[in-house]
Amino acid sequence: MLLIYNIGVQLYLCAIYAASLFNKKAKLWLKGRDNIIYQKFEKSIWFHFASLGEFEQGRPLLEYVRNIHPGEKIVVTFFSPSGYEIRKNTPLADAVYYLPIDTDANSRKFIDAIQPAMAIFTKYEYWYHYFNELHKNDIPLYVISGIFRPGQVFFKWYGGLHRKMLGFVSHFFVQDAASKELLQTVGISNVTVSGDTRFDRVWANAEHPKDLQLIPEFKSNHKIFIAGSTWPDDEALVATLVKDYADWKFIFAPHEIGEEKINKLISQLPLNSVVRYSQIEGNPISIHNYQTLIIDNIGMLSSLYQYAEIAYIGGGFGVGIHNTLEAAAFGMPVIFGPNYDRFKEAKDLVAIKGGFSITTEPELKATVAYLTEDITQYDETCKKVKAYVQENTGATKTIVEFINL
């Protein structure tokens, strides 16, 4: 099985090389791993994140270590360019790298350079050679905010190698009891149900959000509907609301902000009603006269939610929705597409009628009407959503106390 795994890793690398001929992210993925010179440490704490979302998820623990143990060297690795390129200069780490592709030689070289006292992986990403090398060197490995489902390879008849990887983990901190029970079916008992550290992150952000000076001027006593991390399918649906709700303001924060995609979005909106953030930043134009604002940069979304009344979260017509908790932490209902089954928090929000899944334009319009026509009902929904987020904080404290950081 290890031979098949190694071949699979090499085939993946070949696919990335092929994709790099026309895909910017694939090109960055390769370039970031080319001729890396690792800084040598006598001892470090290693945090690994798949991408930007997992970085934000694990950030409460990362910040705790940096603040409580300022003398500790911290190494952060990313698998994806969308994490590395945005957080490569984070002051929370002493070194930030792309994770070298998972081979025996790479794992030995990397771990020998950074000399981790412990490794902390957030949510997922299970790499055989890295886990094995940590295990061979008696270096504690922790998985935080883990979540497991029956369909994962660990629980299949052919998943022996992946089950072996689970055995290399010193302790799992999982989001729910179902994950703990599932791990126990394959003999893994070193598990604590801690919850999801994302709740700590989004709650802290909602308690002390960054002030965005231009947004109150844009809002100008109107209510705001914000569409965050959207893809074209999401944008086509939300754009149909703009004419129907002329007394509302709309903010789109697309997941991808290339010119072609932004222009396509603008073409679906009423003429002369749209302004881009790059047009108003530093320019004295009357932004309150516009109905729709398009955020054509990265990094503002988590703070934008504070100004909105309803949020639509994108990704639900693709592989899965993006972060619903950032919006929910501000106490507002969230709407998203149909692909949310892999996200516990989205299912929880649907269960308490604070989250709403839609698949068609009529469903979207009916949901917005439901939320806007009865102010008492809306207020009760907001209270339930905010209480749900607050009640689920505390995962970071559980992890810190267990590891004795």
Protein backbone atom coordinates (compact mmCIF):
# COMPACT_ATOMS: atom_id res chain seq x y z
CA MET A 1 0.00 0.00 0.00
CA LEU A 2 2.88 2.37 0.71
CA LEU A 3 4.15 1.84 -2.84
CA ILE A 4 0.74 2.77 -4.23
CA TYR A 5 0.66 5.85 -1.96
CA ASN A 6 4.12 6.95 -3.15
CA ILE A 7 3.12 6.48 -6.78
CA GLY A 8 -0.04 8.50 -6.12
CA VAL A 9 2.02 11.36 -4.67
CA GLN A 10 4.25 11.41 -7.74
CA LEU A 11 1.26 11.30 -10.10
CA TYR A 12 -0.23 14.25 -8.21
CA LEU A 13 3.05 16.13 -8.69
CA CYS A 14 2.94 15.39 -12.43
CA ALA A 15 -0.62 16.68 -12.60
CA ILE A 16 0.45 19.92 -10.90
CA TYR A 17 3.27 20.35 -13.44
CA ALA A 18 0.76 19.93 -16.27
CA ALA A 19 -1.73 22.32 -14.68
CA SER A 20 0.98 24.94 -14.11
CA LEU A 21 1.11 25.58 -17.85
CA PHE A 22 -2.23 27.39 -17.63
CA ASN A 23 -3.13 27.66 -13.93
CA LYS A 24 -1.65 30.41 -11.75
CA LYS A 25 -2.21 28.58 -8.46
CA ALA A 26 -0.49 25.46 -9.73
CA LYS A 27 2.46 27.58 -10.88
CA LEU A 28 2.71 29.19 -7.43
CA TRP A 29 2.44 25.74 -5.81
CA LEU A 30 5.52 24.58 -7.73
CA LYS A 31 7.52 27.80 -7.51
CA GLY A 32 7.04 27.99 -3.74
CA ARG A 33 8.54 24.54 -3.32
CA ASP A 34 11.50 25.09 -5.64
CA ASN A 35 14.94 25.15 -3.98
CA ILE A 36 13.70 25.96 -0.48
CA ILE A 37 16.45 26.71 2.06
CA TYR A 38 15.09 25.98 5.52
CA GLN A 39 16.09 28.04 8.51
CA LYS A 40 17.73 25.84 11.14
CA PHE A 41 16.22 25.76 14.62
CA GLU A 42 17.42 24.03 17.75
CA LYS A 43 13.76 23.61 18.74
CA SER A 44 10.45 24.81 17.32
CA ILE A 45 6.70 24.30 17.40
CA TRP A 46 5.38 23.34 13.98
CA PHE A 47 1.89 24.33 12.84
CA HIS A 48 0.62 22.98 9.53
CA PHE A 49 -2.43 24.31 7.68
CA ALA A 50 -3.89 23.10 4.42
CA SER A 51 -4.95 26.59 3.36
CA LEU A 52 -6.11 29.99 4.58
CA GLY A 53 -9.33 28.67 6.12
CA GLU A 54 -7.45 26.19 8.28
CA PHE A 55 -4.99 28.92 9.29
CA GLU A 56 -7.87 31.02 10.61
CA GLN A 57 -9.27 27.91 12.28
CA GLY A 58 -6.04 27.14 14.10
CA ARG A 59 -5.12 30.76 14.69
CA PRO A 60 -6.44 30.95 18.29
CA LEU A 61 -3.97 28.26 19.36
CA LEU A 62 -1.17 29.80 17.29
CA GLU A 63 -1.80 33.20 18.89
CA TYR A 64 -1.87 31.64 22.34
CA VAL A 65 1.56 30.05 21.85
CA ARG A 66 3.02 33.27 20.45
CA ASN A 67 1.62 35.39 23.30
CA ILE A 68 2.23 33.04 26.23
CA HIS A 69 5.57 31.66 25.01
CA PRO A 70 7.14 34.53 23.04
CA GLY A 71 10.56 32.87 23.17
CA GLU A 72 9.41 29.74 21.34
CA LYS A 73 10.29 29.48 17.66
CA ILE A 74 7.21 28.84 15.53
CA VAL A 75 7.25 27.31 12.06
CA VAL A 76 4.13 27.45 9.89
CA THR A 77 3.60 25.42 6.73
CA PHE A 78 0.87 25.53 4.11
CA PHE A 79 -0.12 23.09 1.40
CA SER A 80 -2.03 25.60 -0.73
CA PRO A 81 -0.96 28.90 -2.32
CA SER A 82 -4.16 30.55 -1.08
CA GLY A 83 -2.84 30.15 2.45
CA TYR A 84 0.87 30.70 1.93
CA GLU A 85 0.68 33.73 -0.35
CA ILE A 86 -1.59 35.63 2.05
CA ARG A 87 0.05 34.64 5.34
CA LYS A 88 3.72 34.19 4.37
CA ASN A 89 4.67 37.30 6.36
CA THR A 90 2.54 36.64 9.43
CA PRO A 91 4.17 37.93 12.64
CA LEU A 92 2.80 34.86 14.39
CA ALA A 93 5.58 32.70 12.93
CA ASP A 94 9.38 32.80 12.77
CA ALA A 95 9.36 30.94 9.46
CA VAL A 96 6.63 30.18 6.91
CA TYR A 97 7.03 27.59 4.15
CA TYR A 98 5.12 25.59 1.63
CA LEU A 99 5.02 22.01 2.90
CA PRO A 100 7.40 20.03 0.67
CA ILE A 101 5.69 17.19 -1.16
CA ASP A 102 5.34 14.11 1.01
CA THR A 103 8.33 11.86 0.40
CA ASP A 104 10.59 10.04 2.82
CA ALA A 105 13.59 12.22 1.93
CA ASN A 106 11.64 15.49 2.17
CA SER A 107 10.16 14.63 5.54
CA ARG A 108 13.56 13.76 7.02
CA LYS A 109 15.20 16.89 5.63
CA PHE A 110 12.44 19.22 6.79
CA ILE A 111 12.02 17.80 10.29
CA ASP A 112 15.79 17.67 10.77
CA ALA A 113 15.98 21.39 9.92
CA ILE A 114 13.20 22.74 12.12
CA GLN A 115 13.62 20.27 15.03
CA PRO A 116 9.99 20.43 16.20
CA ALA A 117 9.24 19.81 19.87
CA MET A 118 5.68 19.14 18.70
CA ALA A 119 3.60 19.33 15.53
CA ILE A 120 0.03 20.60 15.31
CA PHE A 121 -2.11 19.92 12.25
CA THR A 122 -5.49 21.66 11.91
CA LYS A 123 -8.62 19.76 10.86
CA TYR A 124 -7.12 17.47 8.24
CA GLU A 125 -4.22 16.64 5.93
CA TYR A 126 -2.65 13.30 6.70
CA TRP A 127 0.78 12.81 5.15
CA TYR A 128 2.34 9.39 5.68
CA HIS A 129 6.04 10.26 5.58
CA TYR A 130 5.75 13.36 7.75
CA PHE A 131 3.64 11.54 10.32
CA ASN A 132 5.97 8.54 10.27
CA GLU A 133 9.08 10.69 10.70
CA LEU A 134 7.53 12.49 13.68
CA HIS A 135 6.55 9.15 15.17
CA LYS A 136 10.03 7.63 14.70
CA ASN A 137 11.58 10.61 16.47
CA ASP A 138 9.08 10.56 19.37
CA ILE A 139 7.82 14.03 18.47
CA PRO A 140 4.22 14.61 19.68
CA LEU A 141 1.74 15.15 16.87
CA TYR A 142 -1.66 16.70 17.55
CA VAL A 143 -4.65 17.06 15.24
CA ILE A 144 -6.96 19.89 16.32
CA SER A 145 -10.54 20.63 15.20
CA GLY A 146 -10.58 17.24 13.51
CA ILE A 147 -13.79 15.91 12.03
CA PHE A 148 -14.40 12.45 10.61
CA ARG A 149 -17.12 10.95 8.39
CA PRO A 150 -17.86 7.33 7.49
CA GLY A 151 -17.05 7.91 3.81
CA GLN A 152 -13.40 8.80 4.48
CA VAL A 153 -10.67 6.39 3.43
CA PHE A 154 -9.70 5.62 7.06
CA PHE A 155 -12.89 3.62 7.44
CA LYS A 156 -12.78 1.70 4.15
CA TRP A 157 -11.54 -1.87 3.75
CA TYR A 158 -8.65 -0.60 1.62
CA GLY A 159 -7.67 2.16 4.06
CA GLY A 160 -5.03 0.24 6.01
CA LEU A 161 -2.20 2.69 5.29
CA HIS A 162 -4.36 5.65 6.27
CA ARG A 163 -5.41 3.92 9.48
CA LYS A 164 -1.71 3.47 10.18
CA MET A 165 -1.30 7.25 9.83
CA LEU A 166 -3.96 7.74 12.49
CA GLY A 167 -1.85 5.60 14.78
CA PHE A 168 1.04 8.07 14.47
CA VAL A 169 -1.04 10.86 16.04
CA SER A 170 -0.40 11.48 19.73
CA HIS A 171 -3.86 12.91 20.36
CA PHE A 172 -6.92 13.98 18.40
CA PHE A 173 -9.02 16.98 19.39
CA VAL A 174 -12.24 16.54 17.43
CA GLN A 175 -15.27 18.71 16.77
CA ASP A 176 -18.00 16.27 17.79
CA ALA A 177 -18.83 13.03 19.56
CA ALA A 178 -19.63 11.33 16.24
CA SER A 179 -15.99 11.75 15.16
CA LYS A 180 -14.75 10.24 18.41
CA GLU A 181 -17.07 7.26 18.06
CA LEU A 182 -15.98 6.72 14.46
CA LEU A 183 -12.29 6.74 15.41
CA GLN A 184 -13.01 4.20 18.13
CA THR A 185 -14.35 1.78 15.50
CA VAL A 186 -10.81 1.54 14.06
CA GLY A 187 -9.08 1.27 17.43
CA ILE A 188 -8.22 4.95 17.99
CA SER A 189 -9.03 5.97 21.56
CA ASN A 190 -6.66 8.88 22.21
CA VAL A 191 -9.42 11.37 21.39
CA THR A 192 -10.93 14.39 23.14
CA VAL A 193 -14.12 16.11 21.99
CA SER A 194 -12.92 19.70 22.27
CA GLY A 195 -15.11 21.40 19.68
CA ASP A 196 -13.95 23.59 16.84
CA THR A 197 -11.34 26.31 17.40
CA ARG A 198 -12.98 28.33 14.62
CA PHE A 199 -15.66 29.36 17.11
CA ASP A 200 -12.97 30.96 19.29
CA ARG A 201 -11.51 32.74 16.28
CA VAL A 202 -14.76 34.14 14.89
CA TRP A 203 -16.05 35.11 18.34
CA ALA A 204 -12.87 37.08 19.06
CA ASN A 205 -13.17 38.76 15.66
CA ALA A 206 -16.81 39.71 16.30
CA GLU A 207 -15.96 41.09 19.72
CA HIS A 208 -13.23 43.35 18.32
CA PRO A 209 -13.79 43.79 14.57
CA LYS A 210 -11.59 46.02 12.46
CA ASP A 211 -13.22 49.35 11.69
CA LEU A 212 -13.71 49.88 7.94
CA GLN A 213 -14.27 53.60 7.61
CA LEU A 214 -15.76 53.67 4.12
CA ILE A 215 -18.46 51.05 4.72
CA PRO A 216 -20.72 53.08 7.06
CA GLU A 217 -20.71 55.83 4.43
CA PHE A 218 -21.71 53.31 1.78
CA LYS A 219 -24.42 51.85 4.05
CA SER A 220 -25.88 55.29 4.77
CA ASN A 221 -28.85 54.19 6.96
CA HIS A 222 -29.74 51.30 4.66
CA LYS A 223 -29.70 47.60 5.44
CA ILE A 224 -26.92 45.52 3.89
CA PHE A 225 -27.07 42.10 2.25
CA ILE A 226 -23.55 40.72 1.96
CA ALA A 227 -22.50 37.88 -0.34
CA GLY A 228 -19.17 36.51 0.86
CA SER A 229 -16.69 34.13 -0.79
CA THR A 230 -18.96 33.81 -3.81
CA TRP A 231 -18.49 31.91 -7.05
CA PRO A 232 -20.24 32.66 -10.37
CA ASP A 233 -23.25 30.41 -9.60
CA ASP A 234 -23.77 32.19 -6.28
CA GLU A 235 -23.38 35.63 -7.84
CA ALA A 236 -25.91 34.93 -10.58
CA LEU A 237 -28.51 34.14 -7.91
CA VAL A 238 -27.79 37.01 -5.53
CA ALA A 239 -27.69 39.50 -8.41
CA THR A 240 -31.40 38.83 -8.97
CA LEU A 241 -32.16 40.33 -5.55
CA VAL A 242 -30.69 43.75 -6.28
CA LYS A 243 -33.63 45.08 -8.30
CA ASP A 244 -36.20 43.54 -5.94
CA TYR A 245 -34.66 45.19 -2.87
CA ALA A 246 -33.98 48.71 -4.07
CA ASP A 247 -33.92 50.03 -0.50
CA TRP A 248 -31.14 47.62 0.50
CA LYS A 249 -27.42 47.91 -0.17
CA PHE A 250 -25.46 44.89 -1.45
CA ILE A 251 -21.84 43.93 -0.97
CA PHE A 252 -20.19 41.18 -3.01
CA ALA A 253 -16.86 39.77 -1.84
CA PRO A 254 -16.01 37.18 -4.55
CA HIS A 255 -13.75 34.24 -3.79
CA GLU A 256 -11.73 34.98 -6.92
CA ILE A 257 -11.06 38.60 -7.89
CA GLY A 258 -9.58 38.37 -11.36
CA GLU A 259 -10.67 41.11 -13.77
CA GLU A 260 -12.65 38.76 -16.00
CA LYS A 261 -14.68 37.42 -13.08
CA ILE A 262 -15.31 40.86 -11.58
CA ASN A 263 -16.46 42.22 -14.93
CA LYS A 264 -18.83 39.29 -15.41
CA LEU A 265 -20.37 40.01 -12.02
CA ILE A 266 -20.76 43.71 -12.84
CA SER A 267 -22.53 42.81 -16.10
CA GLN A 268 -25.28 41.07 -14.12
CA LEU A 269 -26.05 44.12 -11.97
CA PRO A 270 -28.13 47.24 -12.72
CA LEU A 271 -26.24 49.76 -14.83
CA ASN A 272 -24.51 52.59 -12.94
CA SER A 273 -25.43 51.10 -9.54
CA VAL A 274 -22.09 49.42 -8.90
CA VAL A 275 -18.79 50.62 -7.49
CA ARG A 276 -15.62 48.65 -6.85
CA TYR A 277 -13.73 49.06 -3.59
CA SER A 278 -10.53 49.86 -5.48
CA GLN A 279 -12.36 52.84 -7.02
CA ILE A 280 -13.41 54.36 -3.70
CA GLU A 281 -10.34 53.67 -1.61
CA GLY A 282 -8.60 57.03 -1.31
CA ASN A 283 -11.00 58.74 -3.73
CA PRO A 284 -13.54 61.33 -2.56
CA ILE A 285 -16.53 60.02 -4.53
CA SER A 286 -20.07 59.82 -3.14
CA ILE A 287 -20.21 56.12 -2.39
CA HIS A 288 -23.55 56.42 -0.59
CA ASN A 289 -25.17 56.95 -4.01
CA TYR A 290 -24.31 53.40 -5.10
CA GLN A 291 -26.45 50.38 -4.30
CA THR A 292 -23.79 47.69 -4.81
CA LEU A 293 -20.17 47.51 -3.69
CA ILE A 294 -17.78 44.87 -5.02
CA ILE A 295 -14.78 44.04 -2.86
CA ASP A 296 -11.93 43.42 -5.29
CA ASN A 297 -9.25 42.63 -2.70
CA ILE A 298 -8.50 39.90 -0.17
CA GLY A 299 -8.68 40.20 3.62
CA MET A 300 -11.68 42.44 4.38
CA LEU A 301 -14.51 39.94 4.53
CA SER A 302 -14.35 38.91 8.18
CA SER A 303 -14.69 42.57 9.21
CA LEU A 304 -17.31 43.45 6.60
CA TYR A 305 -19.91 41.20 8.21
CA GLN A 306 -20.31 43.59 11.15
CA TYR A 307 -22.16 46.03 8.89
CA ALA A 308 -24.66 43.56 7.41
CA GLU A 309 -28.10 42.24 8.31
CA ILE A 310 -28.14 39.09 6.14
CA ALA A 311 -25.24 37.08 4.72
CA TYR A 312 -25.03 34.73 1.78
CA ILE A 313 -22.02 32.40 1.91
CA GLY A 314 -20.65 31.10 -1.37
CA GLY A 315 -19.30 27.73 -2.45
CA GLY A 316 -22.46 25.70 -1.99
CA PHE A 317 -22.82 25.01 -5.69
CA GLY A 318 -19.26 23.65 -5.85
CA VAL A 319 -17.32 21.36 -3.55
CA GLY A 320 -18.75 22.96 -0.42
CA ILE A 321 -19.61 26.20 1.33
CA HIS A 322 -17.07 28.59 2.75
CA ASN A 323 -16.94 29.96 6.30
CA THR A 324 -20.45 30.53 7.68
CA LEU A 325 -19.23 31.17 11.22
CA GLU A 326 -17.54 34.50 10.46
CA ALA A 327 -20.96 35.94 9.63
CA ALA A 328 -22.89 34.00 12.27
CA ALA A 329 -20.63 35.36 15.03
CA PHE A 330 -22.12 38.80 14.37
CA GLY A 331 -25.59 37.37 14.98
CA MET A 332 -27.12 37.29 11.52
CA PRO A 333 -28.89 34.61 9.47
CA VAL A 334 -26.81 32.94 6.77
CA ILE A 335 -27.94 31.59 3.41
CA PHE A 336 -25.96 29.13 1.28
CA GLY A 337 -26.19 26.63 -1.55
CA PRO A 338 -27.00 22.91 -1.34
CA ASN A 339 -23.54 21.41 -0.77
CA TYR A 340 -23.10 21.80 2.98
CA ASP A 341 -23.33 18.23 4.31
CA ARG A 342 -19.63 18.10 5.23
CA PHE A 343 -19.93 21.15 7.49
CA LYS A 344 -21.24 20.48 10.98
CA GLU A 345 -21.77 24.14 11.81
CA ALA A 346 -23.90 24.67 8.70
CA LYS A 347 -26.09 21.70 9.61
CA ASP A 348 -26.37 23.02 13.16
CA LEU A 349 -27.44 26.45 11.88
CA VAL A 350 -30.07 24.89 9.63
CA ALA A 351 -31.37 22.89 12.60
CA ILE A 352 -31.92 26.04 14.69
CA LYS A 353 -33.37 27.91 11.68
CA GLY A 354 -30.50 30.34 11.58
CA GLY A 355 -29.04 28.89 8.38
CA PHE A 356 -30.95 28.41 5.12
CA SER A 357 -29.95 26.25 2.17
CA ILE A 358 -31.28 27.18 -1.27
CA THR A 359 -30.88 25.74 -4.76
CA THR A 360 -32.96 28.03 -7.01
CA GLU A 361 -33.78 31.71 -7.48
CA PRO A 362 -37.36 31.29 -6.14
CA GLU A 363 -35.99 29.58 -3.02
CA LEU A 364 -33.52 32.40 -2.45
CA LYS A 365 -36.19 35.06 -2.85
CA ALA A 366 -38.60 33.19 -0.58
CA THR A 367 -35.91 32.90 2.11
CA VAL A 368 -35.03 36.58 1.95
CA ALA A 369 -38.72 37.47 2.12
CA TYR A 370 -39.12 35.22 5.17
CA LEU A 371 -36.23 36.98 6.90
CA THR A 372 -37.21 40.54 6.05
CA GLU A 373 -40.99 40.66 6.40
CA ASP A 374 -41.25 40.02 10.15
CA ILE A 375 -38.83 42.08 12.26
CA THR A 376 -39.65 40.20 15.47
CA GLN A 377 -38.94 36.87 13.81
CA TYR A 378 -35.73 38.27 12.34
CA ASP A 379 -34.53 39.49 15.74
CA GLU A 380 -35.21 36.09 17.31
CA THR A 381 -33.25 34.40 14.52
CA CYS A 382 -30.28 36.71 15.12
CA LYS A 383 -30.31 35.96 18.86
CA LYS A 384 -30.32 32.21 18.22
CA VAL A 385 -27.44 32.43 15.76
CA LYS A 386 -25.24 34.53 18.05
CA ALA A 387 -26.01 32.31 21.07
CA TYR A 388 -25.08 29.22 19.04
CA VAL A 389 -21.63 30.62 18.26
CA GLN A 390 -20.98 31.77 21.82
CA GLU A 391 -22.06 28.44 23.32
CA ASN A 392 -19.54 26.58 21.16
CA THR A 393 -16.45 28.59 22.10
CA GLY A 394 -13.77 27.13 24.36
CA ALA A 395 -11.97 24.56 22.19
CA THR A 396 -8.65 26.40 22.43
CA LYS A 397 -8.75 26.36 26.24
CA THR A 398 -9.44 22.60 26.24
CA ILE A 399 -6.49 21.93 23.93
CA VAL A 400 -4.09 24.20 25.84
CA GLU A 401 -4.92 22.57 29.14
CA PHE A 402 -4.55 19.04 27.76
CA ILE A 403 -1.22 19.64 26.02
CA ASN A 404 -0.07 21.79 28.97
CA LEU A 405 1.18 24.55 26.72
